[in-house]
């Protein structure tokens, strides 16, 4: 599967984080970032359509930006980090890359998922 997916879990509330705006970018040769896709997490905290079906991933460096301010503002909570940015490398563009985010108002973590 040629894709990048993500899943956001709100560890403070013990549930999926619905409504998190996310962008995915690819670093190009001059060091700038090119938009690949964008969307918002569903009720299960997932964004399955981040990479449009017409886009074929390339080997390289990618950046996921999670708008955590929008999420916490919608809950009328104050978060410490206005966004969570995860930069990662795709070495095999034919593989599926799942990059989850574990989120709370005062911290976040990530890992390479399956």
Protein backbone atom coordinates (compact mmCIF):
# COMPACT_ATOMS: atom_id res chain seq x y z
CA UNK A 1 0.00 0.00 0.00
CA UNK A 2 1.42 3.34 -1.08
CA UNK A 3 0.15 5.70 1.60
CA UNK A 4 0.64 7.69 4.76
CA UNK A 5 -2.06 7.57 7.41
CA UNK A 6 -2.38 8.93 10.92
CA UNK A 7 -4.48 8.46 14.02
CA UNK A 8 -4.76 10.93 16.90
CA UNK A 9 -5.61 9.77 20.40
CA UNK A 10 -6.37 12.21 23.20
CA UNK A 11 -4.67 10.48 26.12
CA UNK A 12 -6.00 12.99 28.67
CA UNK A 13 -9.61 12.23 27.72
CA UNK A 14 -9.05 8.56 26.89
CA UNK A 15 -10.64 8.75 23.44
CA UNK A 16 -9.92 9.47 19.78
CA UNK A 17 -9.27 13.11 18.91
CA UNK A 18 -11.90 14.07 16.33
CA UNK A 19 -11.64 17.31 14.38
CA UNK A 20 -7.86 17.77 14.30
CA UNK A 21 -6.76 19.59 11.10
CA UNK A 22 -3.65 18.00 9.59
CA UNK A 23 -1.37 18.81 6.68
CA UNK A 24 1.18 16.55 5.00
CA UNK A 25 4.14 18.02 3.14
CA UNK A 26 7.14 16.61 1.26
CA UNK A 27 10.56 18.28 1.38
CA UNK A 28 11.72 19.11 -2.15
CA UNK A 29 15.25 19.49 -3.49
CA UNK A 30 15.65 23.17 -2.57
CA UNK A 31 14.68 22.43 1.06
CA UNK A 32 11.22 23.95 0.88
CA UNK A 33 8.03 22.04 1.62
CA UNK A 34 5.40 21.04 -0.96
CA UNK A 35 1.85 20.26 0.15
CA UNK A 36 0.86 16.63 -0.46
CA UNK A 37 -2.50 16.50 1.29
CA UNK A 38 -4.62 17.83 4.12
CA UNK A 39 -7.72 16.93 6.06
CA UNK A 40 -9.38 16.61 9.45
CA UNK A 41 -9.57 13.57 11.73
CA UNK A 42 -12.88 11.72 11.80
CA UNK A 43 -14.85 10.60 14.88
CA UNK A 44 -12.37 7.72 15.33
CA UNK A 45 -9.44 10.17 15.32
CA UNK A 46 -8.24 8.87 11.94
CA UNK A 47 -7.38 10.58 8.68
CA UNK A 48 -7.43 7.85 6.04
CA UNK A 49 -7.49 10.14 2.99
CA UNK A 50 -4.43 12.25 3.74
CA UNK A 51 -2.68 11.24 0.51
CA UNK A 52 -4.92 11.77 -2.54
CA UNK A 53 -5.33 8.59 -4.60
CA UNK A 54 -3.69 10.23 -7.64
CA UNK A 55 -0.51 11.00 -5.66
CA UNK A 56 2.33 8.47 -5.68
CA UNK A 57 4.67 8.84 -2.74
CA UNK A 58 8.35 9.43 -3.35
CA UNK A 59 11.28 8.46 -1.19
CA UNK A 60 12.22 11.41 1.01
CA UNK A 61 11.41 13.47 4.06
CA UNK A 62 7.81 14.28 4.99
CA UNK A 63 6.24 16.57 7.57
CA UNK A 64 2.91 16.12 9.35
CA UNK A 65 1.54 19.22 11.08
CA UNK A 66 -1.32 18.74 13.54
CA UNK A 67 -3.27 21.90 14.43
CA UNK A 68 -3.68 21.10 18.12
CA UNK A 69 -4.84 24.65 18.90
CA UNK A 70 -7.95 24.12 16.76
CA UNK A 71 -8.68 20.84 18.55
CA UNK A 72 -8.26 22.16 22.09
CA UNK A 73 -10.06 25.45 21.31
CA UNK A 74 -13.08 23.45 20.11
CA UNK A 75 -13.09 21.71 23.51
CA UNK A 76 -12.64 25.04 25.29
CA UNK A 77 -9.35 23.78 26.69
CA UNK A 78 -6.02 25.55 26.73
CA UNK A 79 -3.17 23.53 25.25
CA UNK A 80 0.52 24.31 25.66
CA UNK A 81 1.59 23.36 22.11
CA UNK A 82 -0.33 25.20 19.32
CA UNK A 83 0.76 22.51 16.88
CA UNK A 84 2.56 19.19 16.83
CA UNK A 85 5.00 18.73 13.97
CA UNK A 86 6.40 15.32 13.06
CA UNK A 87 9.14 15.05 10.46
CA UNK A 88 9.92 11.54 9.22
CA UNK A 89 11.66 9.72 6.39
CA UNK A 90 10.10 7.44 3.77
CA UNK A 91 12.77 5.00 2.56
CA UNK A 92 10.43 2.65 0.67
CA UNK A 93 7.65 4.54 -1.12
CA UNK A 94 5.79 1.27 -1.75
CA UNK A 95 5.19 0.65 1.95
CA UNK A 96 2.34 1.92 4.11
CA UNK A 97 3.49 4.45 6.71
CA UNK A 98 1.24 4.97 9.73
CA UNK A 99 2.25 7.83 12.04
CA UNK A 100 0.01 8.07 15.14
CA UNK A 101 -0.05 11.00 17.54
CA UNK A 102 -0.75 10.60 21.26
CA UNK A 103 -1.94 13.98 22.49
CA UNK A 104 -2.74 15.77 25.74
CA UNK A 105 -2.98 19.50 26.53
CA UNK A 106 0.61 19.55 27.82
CA UNK A 107 2.42 16.95 25.75
CA UNK A 108 2.48 14.67 22.74
CA UNK A 109 4.37 11.65 21.47
CA UNK A 110 4.50 9.54 18.34
CA UNK A 111 5.87 6.31 16.91
CA UNK A 112 5.95 4.35 13.66
CA UNK A 113 2.68 2.43 13.62
CA UNK A 114 1.49 -0.45 11.50
